[in-house]
Amino acid sequence: MTFRENANISTGRARRGGGGGGGMAVGGGIGALLLALVIMLLGGDPGQVLGGGQQQQDPSSAQNVELSECQSGEDANEDVDCRMKGGMASLEQYWSEVYPKAPAPTAILFQGSVSTQCGNATSQVGPFYCPVDQQIYLDTSFFEQLKSQLGAQGGSLGELYVLGHEYGHHIQRYTGALNASQQDPRGPESGAVRVELQADCFAGAWVGNAATGENPLLEEPTQDEIRSALSAAAAVGDDSIQERMQGQVQPHTWSHGSSEQRMGWFMKGYESGDANQCDVLNANSVDDY
């Protein structure tokens, strides 16, 4: 998705942080990465794979580097870190109108490892949201792994979909929806799956509105860009990851939903442009999109 070149993205709440010393070792290689993704990719319960809430360093000590070079939409189009900052500015613009009860979170862009109030993590766990400190954490090298290891198409809207999904979890912290993930963590119709699919739908609703209203930061998405987002959603479906990792699909272990469901709920949000249409938690079935 392309930013308007003269758009002001300086208000985006994103910083560089993380690094050194406090990160918990999760393991190395594609097997460990996929195992971590199955558990928590795109906003699963970080307590299951992070460092048990132990803080070996002050999280704020490594999170004070502002992205001062990221000022315009042109910057966002050229640099992935600036694109995340621009995405946060657009997401705040959208959600401050749709659900003003939730204050804007911050995105922490880290490399290698990071210490959070949910525990310590390495890049291998993928992007996640910590509801304790209300911050989004991601290593932008994940976007290359999304293409090379999980088969996504790539592209800017695929990247922004990930960010929009995590922002959706922040909204769920305030609506109370995150509780369903903890109370019912596994299964094809579980609370966890419904929470993840709702975050996909929230991301779609944002994309559907991001080029509208006063002073929009983004251009209207093209069909190729929408396909980029759908490709990213499909790549992180439980069935797709399980097929790649173990050669068989086990729905009773799902925590995020299938590729089709993730694409379906994203498109419901996008086509309706209405976050109120994203009530997956009360749907008769997660297939009712």
Protein backbone atom coordinates (compact mmCIF):
# COMPACT_ATOMS: atom_id res chain seq x y z
CA MET A 1 0.00 0.00 0.00
CA THR A 2 1.50 3.31 -1.06
CA PHE A 3 1.78 6.34 1.19
CA ARG A 4 1.00 9.75 -0.22
CA GLU A 5 4.43 11.27 -0.79
CA ASN A 6 3.73 14.48 1.11
CA ALA A 7 1.88 12.78 3.98
CA ASN A 8 3.10 13.68 7.45
CA ILE A 9 4.02 10.46 9.29
CA SER A 10 6.00 12.15 12.06
CA THR A 11 3.21 11.43 14.56
CA GLY A 12 3.58 7.65 14.20
CA ARG A 13 4.36 5.99 17.53
CA ALA A 14 7.27 3.77 16.53
CA ARG A 15 10.79 3.49 17.92
CA ARG A 16 13.87 1.41 17.47
CA GLY A 17 14.68 -0.68 20.53
CA GLY A 18 15.60 -4.10 21.86
CA GLY A 19 18.99 -5.73 21.60
CA GLY A 20 21.53 -7.34 23.74
CA GLY A 21 21.77 -9.18 26.93
CA GLY A 22 18.26 -9.84 28.11
CA GLY A 23 16.84 -11.94 25.33
CA MET A 24 15.65 -15.45 26.03
CA ALA A 25 17.10 -18.14 23.74
CA VAL A 26 14.23 -19.80 21.87
CA GLY A 27 16.43 -21.84 19.54
CA GLY A 28 17.60 -21.48 15.97
CA GLY A 29 16.67 -22.53 12.49
CA ILE A 30 13.41 -22.92 10.60
CA GLY A 31 12.04 -25.66 12.85
CA ALA A 32 12.21 -23.48 15.94
CA LEU A 33 10.85 -20.53 14.04
CA LEU A 34 7.81 -22.42 12.81
CA LEU A 35 7.17 -23.91 16.24
CA ALA A 36 7.15 -20.43 17.71
CA LEU A 37 4.89 -19.22 14.92
CA VAL A 38 2.37 -21.97 15.57
CA ILE A 39 2.15 -20.87 19.19
CA MET A 40 2.01 -17.12 18.88
CA LEU A 41 2.60 -15.68 15.43
CA LEU A 42 0.81 -12.40 14.97
CA GLY A 43 -0.28 -11.93 18.53
CA GLY A 44 -0.70 -15.22 20.33
CA ASP A 45 -0.24 -15.37 24.11
CA PRO A 46 3.37 -14.21 24.52
CA GLY A 47 3.61 -15.88 27.96
CA GLN A 48 3.75 -19.26 26.21
CA VAL A 49 7.00 -18.55 24.42
CA LEU A 50 8.54 -15.52 26.09
CA GLY A 51 10.64 -15.48 29.18
CA GLY A 52 7.99 -16.06 31.76
CA GLY A 53 7.62 -12.40 32.66
CA GLN A 54 11.14 -12.16 34.06
CA GLN A 55 12.68 -8.81 33.28
CA GLN A 56 16.45 -8.98 33.14
CA GLN A 57 16.72 -5.38 31.92
CA ASP A 58 14.56 -2.30 32.04
CA PRO A 59 12.37 -2.48 28.92
CA SER A 60 12.39 1.28 28.58
CA SER A 61 16.19 1.48 28.51
CA ALA A 62 16.41 0.14 24.96
CA GLN A 63 13.31 1.79 23.56
CA ASN A 64 14.18 5.46 23.41
CA VAL A 65 15.51 5.80 19.85
CA GLU A 66 13.00 7.81 17.86
CA LEU A 67 12.71 7.35 14.10
CA SER A 68 13.42 11.03 13.53
CA GLU A 69 14.45 10.47 9.91
CA CYS A 70 10.93 9.24 9.08
CA GLN A 71 8.87 12.34 8.31
CA SER A 72 7.02 11.89 5.03
CA GLY A 73 5.09 9.37 3.01
CA GLU A 74 8.01 9.28 0.61
CA ASP A 75 10.20 8.07 3.48
CA ALA A 76 7.63 5.38 4.29
CA ASN A 77 7.57 4.17 0.70
CA GLU A 78 11.35 3.81 0.62
CA ASP A 79 12.21 2.37 4.05
CA VAL A 80 10.55 -0.45 6.00
CA ASP A 81 11.13 1.13 9.43
CA CYS A 82 9.57 4.37 8.20
CA ARG A 83 6.74 2.30 6.70
CA MET A 84 6.00 0.91 10.17
CA LYS A 85 6.02 4.42 11.64
CA GLY A 86 3.70 5.62 8.89
CA GLY A 87 1.46 2.62 9.46
CA MET A 88 1.22 3.45 13.15
CA ALA A 89 0.29 7.05 12.30
CA SER A 90 -2.48 5.84 9.98
CA LEU A 91 -3.72 3.22 12.44
CA GLU A 92 -3.92 5.79 15.23
CA GLN A 93 -5.78 8.13 12.88
CA TYR A 94 -8.34 5.40 12.19
CA TRP A 95 -8.78 3.90 15.66
CA SER A 96 -8.88 7.26 17.47
CA GLU A 97 -12.16 7.84 15.64
CA VAL A 98 -13.56 4.30 15.67
CA TYR A 99 -12.63 3.32 19.24
CA PRO A 100 -11.30 6.36 21.14
CA LYS A 101 -11.34 4.49 24.47
CA ALA A 102 -8.05 2.83 23.54
CA PRO A 103 -4.96 5.07 23.77
CA ALA A 104 -2.48 4.62 20.97
CA PRO A 105 0.20 1.93 21.51
CA THR A 106 3.83 2.16 20.41
CA ALA A 107 5.56 -0.15 17.94
CA ILE A 108 9.05 -1.22 19.03
CA LEU A 109 11.23 -2.23 16.08
CA PHE A 110 13.98 -4.47 17.42
CA GLN A 111 16.75 -6.66 16.08
CA GLY A 112 17.70 -9.99 17.59
CA SER A 113 16.16 -9.78 21.04
CA VAL A 114 14.00 -7.56 23.18
CA SER A 115 12.94 -7.24 26.81
CA THR A 116 9.27 -6.53 27.47
CA GLN A 117 6.96 -6.48 30.44
CA CYS A 118 5.61 -9.80 29.14
CA GLY A 119 9.11 -11.31 29.26
CA ASN A 120 12.15 -11.57 27.03
CA ALA A 121 11.97 -12.62 23.39
CA THR A 122 14.10 -13.16 20.32
CA SER A 123 13.17 -12.45 16.72
CA GLN A 124 12.26 -16.11 16.27
CA VAL A 125 8.91 -15.66 17.98
CA GLY A 126 7.66 -13.33 15.26
CA PRO A 127 5.69 -10.08 15.76
CA PHE A 128 3.63 -9.86 18.95
CA TYR A 129 1.65 -7.53 21.16
CA CYS A 130 2.33 -7.31 24.89
CA PRO A 131 -0.87 -6.32 26.72
CA VAL A 132 1.05 -5.49 29.91
CA ASP A 133 3.12 -2.64 28.50
CA GLN A 134 0.67 -2.09 25.61
CA GLN A 135 3.34 -2.15 22.94
CA ILE A 136 3.76 -3.94 19.62
CA TYR A 137 7.09 -5.69 19.03
CA LEU A 138 8.47 -6.73 15.68
CA ASP A 139 11.76 -7.38 13.93
CA THR A 140 11.25 -6.23 10.36
CA SER A 141 13.48 -9.07 9.10
CA PHE A 142 10.36 -11.19 9.73
CA PHE A 143 8.90 -9.87 6.49
CA GLU A 144 11.64 -11.57 4.50
CA GLN A 145 11.04 -14.82 6.44
CA LEU A 146 7.35 -14.48 5.65
CA LYS A 147 8.28 -14.67 1.96
CA SER A 148 11.23 -17.06 1.91
CA GLN A 149 10.11 -19.54 4.56
CA LEU A 150 6.33 -19.29 4.67
CA GLY A 151 5.54 -18.61 1.03
CA ALA A 152 3.96 -15.15 1.20
CA GLN A 153 4.02 -12.95 -1.87
CA GLY A 154 5.66 -9.99 -0.11
CA GLY A 155 4.85 -6.34 -0.62
CA SER A 156 4.11 -3.28 1.48
CA LEU A 157 0.47 -4.06 2.23
CA GLY A 158 1.41 -7.55 3.39
CA GLU A 159 3.77 -5.89 5.87
CA LEU A 160 1.17 -3.35 6.96
CA TYR A 161 -1.38 -6.14 7.42
CA VAL A 162 0.90 -7.63 10.09
CA LEU A 163 1.11 -4.28 11.86
CA GLY A 164 -2.64 -3.71 11.59
CA HIS A 165 -3.30 -7.16 13.05
CA GLU A 166 -1.13 -6.44 16.08
CA TYR A 167 -2.80 -3.06 16.57
CA GLY A 168 -6.07 -4.97 16.54
CA HIS A 169 -4.91 -6.93 19.57
CA HIS A 170 -4.36 -3.64 21.36
CA ILE A 171 -7.97 -2.69 20.66
CA GLN A 172 -9.04 -6.11 21.98
CA ARG A 173 -7.25 -5.42 25.25
CA TYR A 174 -9.75 -2.61 25.83
CA THR A 175 -12.84 -4.40 24.53
CA GLY A 176 -12.04 -7.42 26.72
CA ALA A 177 -11.78 -9.80 23.76
CA LEU A 178 -8.24 -10.89 24.64
CA ASN A 179 -9.63 -12.77 27.64
CA ALA A 180 -11.26 -15.29 25.29
CA SER A 181 -7.85 -16.31 24.01
CA GLN A 182 -6.62 -17.18 27.49
CA GLN A 183 -9.80 -18.97 28.57
CA ASP A 184 -10.14 -21.12 25.43
CA PRO A 185 -6.70 -21.43 23.82
CA ARG A 186 -6.96 -24.31 21.31
CA GLY A 187 -9.30 -25.73 18.70
CA PRO A 188 -10.90 -24.75 15.38
CA GLU A 189 -13.74 -22.80 17.04
CA SER A 190 -11.77 -21.75 20.12
CA GLY A 191 -11.68 -18.33 21.70
CA ALA A 192 -8.04 -18.00 20.64
CA VAL A 193 -8.90 -18.55 16.99
CA ARG A 194 -11.78 -16.09 17.19
CA VAL A 195 -9.53 -13.45 18.74
CA GLU A 196 -6.97 -13.85 15.96
CA LEU A 197 -9.58 -13.73 13.21
CA GLN A 198 -11.12 -10.62 14.72
CA ALA A 199 -7.68 -8.95 14.63
CA ASP A 200 -7.46 -9.90 10.94
CA CYS A 201 -10.86 -8.33 10.36
CA PHE A 202 -9.82 -5.19 12.24
CA ALA A 203 -6.75 -4.94 9.99
CA GLY A 204 -9.02 -5.22 6.95
CA ALA A 205 -11.38 -2.52 8.24
CA TRP A 206 -8.45 -0.17 8.69
CA VAL A 207 -7.15 -0.87 5.18
CA GLY A 208 -10.64 -0.26 3.82
CA ASN A 209 -10.70 3.21 5.40
CA ALA A 210 -7.03 4.23 5.31
CA ALA A 211 -7.34 6.24 2.08
CA THR A 212 -10.54 8.06 3.10
CA GLY A 213 -11.46 10.92 5.40
CA GLU A 214 -9.55 14.13 6.03
CA ASN A 215 -5.81 14.11 5.34
CA PRO A 216 -5.42 10.40 4.56
CA LEU A 217 -1.85 9.17 4.69
CA LEU A 218 -2.31 6.30 2.23
CA GLU A 219 -3.39 5.90 -1.35
CA GLU A 220 -6.29 3.61 -2.26
CA PRO A 221 -4.89 0.05 -2.37
CA THR A 222 -4.57 -1.64 -5.73
CA GLN A 223 -5.81 -5.18 -6.36
CA ASP A 224 -2.19 -6.38 -6.40
CA GLU A 225 -1.69 -4.84 -2.98
CA ILE A 226 -4.81 -6.52 -1.62
CA ARG A 227 -3.46 -9.81 -2.95
CA SER A 228 -0.24 -9.09 -1.07
CA ALA A 229 -2.15 -8.77 2.20
CA LEU A 230 -4.17 -11.90 1.50
CA SER A 231 -0.98 -13.80 0.71
CA ALA A 232 0.48 -12.81 4.07
CA ALA A 233 -2.73 -13.84 5.87
CA ALA A 234 -2.75 -17.21 4.07
CA ALA A 235 0.90 -17.86 4.87
CA VAL A 236 0.26 -17.66 8.61
CA GLY A 237 -2.85 -19.85 8.69
CA ASP A 238 -2.56 -22.73 11.15
CA ASP A 239 -3.18 -25.28 8.41
CA SER A 240 -0.51 -23.80 6.15
CA ILE A 241 2.09 -23.70 8.91
CA GLN A 242 1.28 -27.21 10.12
CA GLU A 243 1.47 -28.59 6.60
CA ARG A 244 4.91 -27.04 6.16
CA MET A 245 6.18 -28.05 9.57
CA GLN A 246 4.80 -31.54 10.10
CA GLY A 247 3.13 -32.60 6.87
CA GLN A 248 -0.34 -32.90 8.40
CA VAL A 249 -3.08 -30.61 9.62
CA GLN A 250 -4.45 -30.96 13.17
CA PRO A 251 -7.38 -28.58 13.69
CA HIS A 252 -7.77 -29.49 17.37
CA THR A 253 -4.46 -27.69 18.03
CA TRP A 254 -5.28 -24.51 16.13
CA SER A 255 -4.86 -21.14 17.79
CA HIS A 256 -5.04 -18.71 14.84
CA GLY A 257 -7.41 -20.15 12.23
CA SER A 258 -6.97 -21.55 8.75
CA SER A 259 -5.59 -19.67 5.76
CA GLU A 260 -9.07 -19.40 4.24
CA GLN A 261 -10.54 -18.07 7.47
CA ARG A 262 -7.81 -15.50 7.91
CA MET A 263 -8.25 -14.24 4.36
CA GLY A 264 -12.04 -14.32 4.71
CA TRP A 265 -12.19 -12.21 7.85
CA PHE A 266 -9.62 -9.74 6.51
CA MET A 267 -11.79 -9.28 3.42
CA LYS A 268 -14.95 -8.91 5.52
CA GLY A 269 -13.31 -6.00 7.31
CA TYR A 270 -11.93 -4.53 4.12
CA GLU A 271 -15.10 -4.78 2.04
CA SER A 272 -17.42 -3.53 4.79
CA GLY A 273 -15.01 -0.90 6.06
CA ASP A 274 -16.73 -1.38 9.40
CA ALA A 275 -14.99 -2.75 12.48
CA ASN A 276 -18.42 -3.46 13.97
CA GLN A 277 -18.79 -6.24 11.40
CA CYS A 278 -15.83 -8.04 13.03
CA ASP A 279 -17.69 -9.68 15.94
CA VAL A 280 -16.12 -13.09 15.41
CA LEU A 281 -16.44 -13.93 19.11
CA ASN A 282 -20.23 -14.08 18.85
CA ALA A 283 -20.48 -15.64 15.39
CA ASN A 284 -22.13 -19.06 15.19
CA SER A 285 -19.00 -20.31 13.41
CA VAL A 286 -15.62 -18.87 12.51
CA ASP A 287 -16.57 -19.67 8.91
CA ASP A 288 -19.40 -17.11 9.00
CA TYR A 289 -17.60 -14.30 7.27
